[in-house]
Protein backbone atom coordinates (compact mmCIF):
# COMPACT_ATOMS: atom_id res chain seq x y z
CA CYS A 1 -4.41 12.11 -1.25
CA ALA A 2 -4.02 9.27 -3.79
CA THR A 3 -5.10 8.46 -7.30
CA VAL A 4 -7.31 5.39 -7.04
CA GLY A 5 -7.77 3.28 -10.16
CA SER A 6 -11.22 2.07 -11.20
CA ALA A 7 -10.41 -1.55 -10.18
CA TRP A 8 -10.56 -0.37 -6.54
CA ASN A 9 -13.45 0.48 -4.23
CA ILE A 10 -13.32 3.32 -1.73
CA VAL A 11 -15.20 2.08 1.33
CA SER A 12 -16.53 4.06 4.29
CA ASP A 13 -15.54 2.66 7.69
CA GLY A 14 -15.52 4.49 11.02
CA THR A 15 -12.47 2.51 12.19
CA ALA A 16 -10.33 3.65 9.25
CA SER A 17 -8.37 6.88 9.25
CA ASN A 18 -10.53 9.70 7.91
CA GLY A 19 -13.35 7.15 7.76
CA LYS A 20 -12.37 5.43 4.48
CA TYR A 21 -10.10 2.74 3.04
CA VAL A 22 -9.47 1.17 -0.37
CA THR A 23 -9.79 -2.44 -1.43
CA VAL A 24 -9.75 -4.06 -4.85
CA LYS A 25 -13.09 -5.09 -6.33
CA PRO A 26 -14.10 -8.67 -5.41
CA GLY A 27 -12.77 -11.41 -7.68
CA LEU A 28 -9.70 -9.52 -8.89
CA ASN A 29 -6.49 -11.39 -8.09
CA SER A 30 -3.02 -11.19 -9.62
CA THR A 31 -0.75 -13.46 -7.60
CA ALA A 32 1.87 -14.36 -10.24
CA SER A 33 2.78 -10.79 -11.20
CA ALA A 34 1.53 -7.26 -10.66
CA PRO A 35 -1.37 -6.24 -12.88
CA THR A 36 -0.67 -3.62 -15.54
CA GLY A 37 -2.42 -0.35 -16.25
CA ALA A 38 -3.26 2.63 -14.04
CA THR A 39 -6.81 1.35 -13.41
CA ASN A 40 -5.25 -1.38 -11.25
CA PHE A 41 -3.12 0.94 -9.08
CA VAL A 42 -3.40 3.20 -6.09
CA THR A 43 -0.78 5.86 -6.75
CA ILE A 44 0.48 8.04 -3.91
CA SER A 45 2.81 11.01 -4.33
CA ILE A 46 5.35 11.38 -1.55
CA SER A 47 8.10 13.88 -0.91
CA VAL A 48 11.23 13.41 1.20
CA PRO A 49 13.46 16.23 2.48
CA THR A 50 16.91 14.66 1.97
CA ASN A 51 18.59 11.78 0.17
CA GLY A 52 18.43 8.58 2.19
CA THR A 53 16.80 5.26 2.88
CA TYR A 54 13.14 5.57 3.76
CA SER A 55 10.80 2.94 5.17
CA VAL A 56 7.24 2.78 3.91
CA PHE A 57 4.51 1.41 6.17
CA GLY A 58 0.90 0.66 5.30
CA ARG A 59 -2.04 0.47 7.68
CA VAL A 60 -3.84 -2.68 6.53
CA ASN A 61 -6.74 -4.87 7.51
CA CYS A 62 -6.68 -8.32 5.94
CA PRO A 63 -9.48 -10.87 6.39
CA ASP A 64 -7.45 -14.09 6.05
CA ALA A 65 -4.45 -15.74 4.37
CA ASN A 66 -6.24 -15.62 1.00
CA GLY A 67 -6.64 -11.84 1.18
CA ASP A 68 -3.43 -10.57 2.77
CA SER A 69 -1.26 -9.12 0.04
CA PHE A 70 -0.44 -6.26 -2.35
CA TRP A 71 2.25 -5.42 -4.88
CA VAL A 72 4.34 -2.23 -4.40
CA SER A 73 6.62 -0.24 -6.68
CA MET A 74 8.48 3.02 -6.18
CA ASP A 75 9.02 5.43 -9.09
CA GLY A 76 8.12 2.82 -11.71
CA GLY A 77 10.71 0.34 -10.44
CA THR A 78 10.43 -3.40 -9.93
CA TRP A 79 7.25 -4.68 -8.30
CA THR A 80 7.66 -6.33 -4.91
CA SER A 81 5.11 -8.81 -3.56
CA LEU A 82 3.88 -8.14 -0.02
CA ASN A 83 2.31 -11.45 0.98
CA GLY A 84 1.44 -12.48 4.54
CA LEU A 85 0.37 -9.05 5.80
CA PRO A 86 -1.24 -8.91 9.27
CA VAL A 87 -4.70 -10.49 9.50
CA GLY A 88 -7.61 -9.59 11.76
CA SER A 89 -7.72 -5.85 12.44
CA TRP A 90 -6.15 -2.57 11.38
CA GLN A 91 -2.39 -2.94 11.84
CA TRP A 92 0.76 -1.34 10.48
CA ALA A 93 2.88 -3.46 8.13
CA SER A 94 6.22 -2.80 6.47
CA PHE A 95 5.92 -2.08 2.75
CA GLY A 96 9.71 -2.05 2.33
CA SER A 97 12.62 0.36 2.34
CA PHE A 98 13.64 2.53 -0.58
CA SER A 99 16.73 4.59 -1.36
CA LEU A 100 15.29 7.96 -2.36
CA THR A 101 16.69 11.29 -3.45
CA ALA A 102 15.36 14.52 -1.96
CA GLY A 103 12.10 15.55 -3.64
CA SER A 104 8.98 13.95 -5.07
CA HIS A 105 8.39 10.25 -5.69
CA SER A 106 5.54 8.02 -6.78
CA LEU A 107 4.51 4.95 -4.78
CA ARG A 108 2.26 2.53 -6.67
CA ILE A 109 0.25 -0.16 -4.93
CA ALA A 110 -1.42 -2.87 -7.00
CA TYR A 111 -3.76 -5.63 -5.89
CA ARG A 112 -2.50 -9.16 -5.44
CA GLU A 113 -5.41 -10.82 -3.61
CA ASP A 114 -8.87 -9.42 -3.17
CA GLY A 115 -9.97 -8.73 0.38
CA ALA A 116 -6.87 -6.86 1.58
CA GLN A 117 -7.76 -3.37 2.77
CA LEU A 118 -5.45 -0.33 2.76
CA ASP A 119 -6.12 2.62 5.04
CA LYS A 120 -3.07 4.87 4.78
CA ILE A 121 0.68 5.05 4.17
CA SER A 122 3.46 6.42 6.37
CA VAL A 123 7.00 7.19 5.19
CA SER A 124 9.82 7.38 7.72
CA GLY A 125 13.58 7.75 7.81
CA ASP A 126 13.58 5.37 10.79
CA SER A 127 13.01 1.72 9.84
CA ARG A 128 12.74 0.60 13.47
CA THR A 129 9.71 2.61 14.46
CA PHE A 130 6.27 1.69 13.18
CA PRO A 131 3.70 4.49 13.09
CA ARG A 132 1.29 4.65 16.02
CA ARG A 133 -2.05 5.32 14.31
C-alpha cells in the first residue's frame, strides 16, 4: 500500500506484518539532511475523516544506534529527523503528530541510516495510544 523507491529493498520476513518490510539498500546514509528524489522515498497515501491533529506511528526494527533512524515529511512539508528509534525487535515508535484537514494526504519516509527496517504505519487521532500489532 506504498510507493517504494528504487533505493529501498522489500524484504520477506515472517515476523513482519504481511510477511514483508522495507529497508534502504546497504551503504546509503543521509544523516545531515533528507535525500532528494522519489527513488529515495517510501510514499504512503493516508486519508483522515475530519480536521484534527493525528499521530503517526511506525512499526520498526532497528539493529543498533547506527541504524535507527528515518526522515519523515507530510504533504511535502519540512523533513523531520527520527533518530534513536527502538533497537532490537519489532516495536512501535512515534513518527510525530500532524495537523491535517479531512481527506487525503501523503506521508513520505526517507532513509537516514541504513539498517533501519520499516514494517507498517498507523495513523491515530489519539496520541496517547500506541498501536498493538
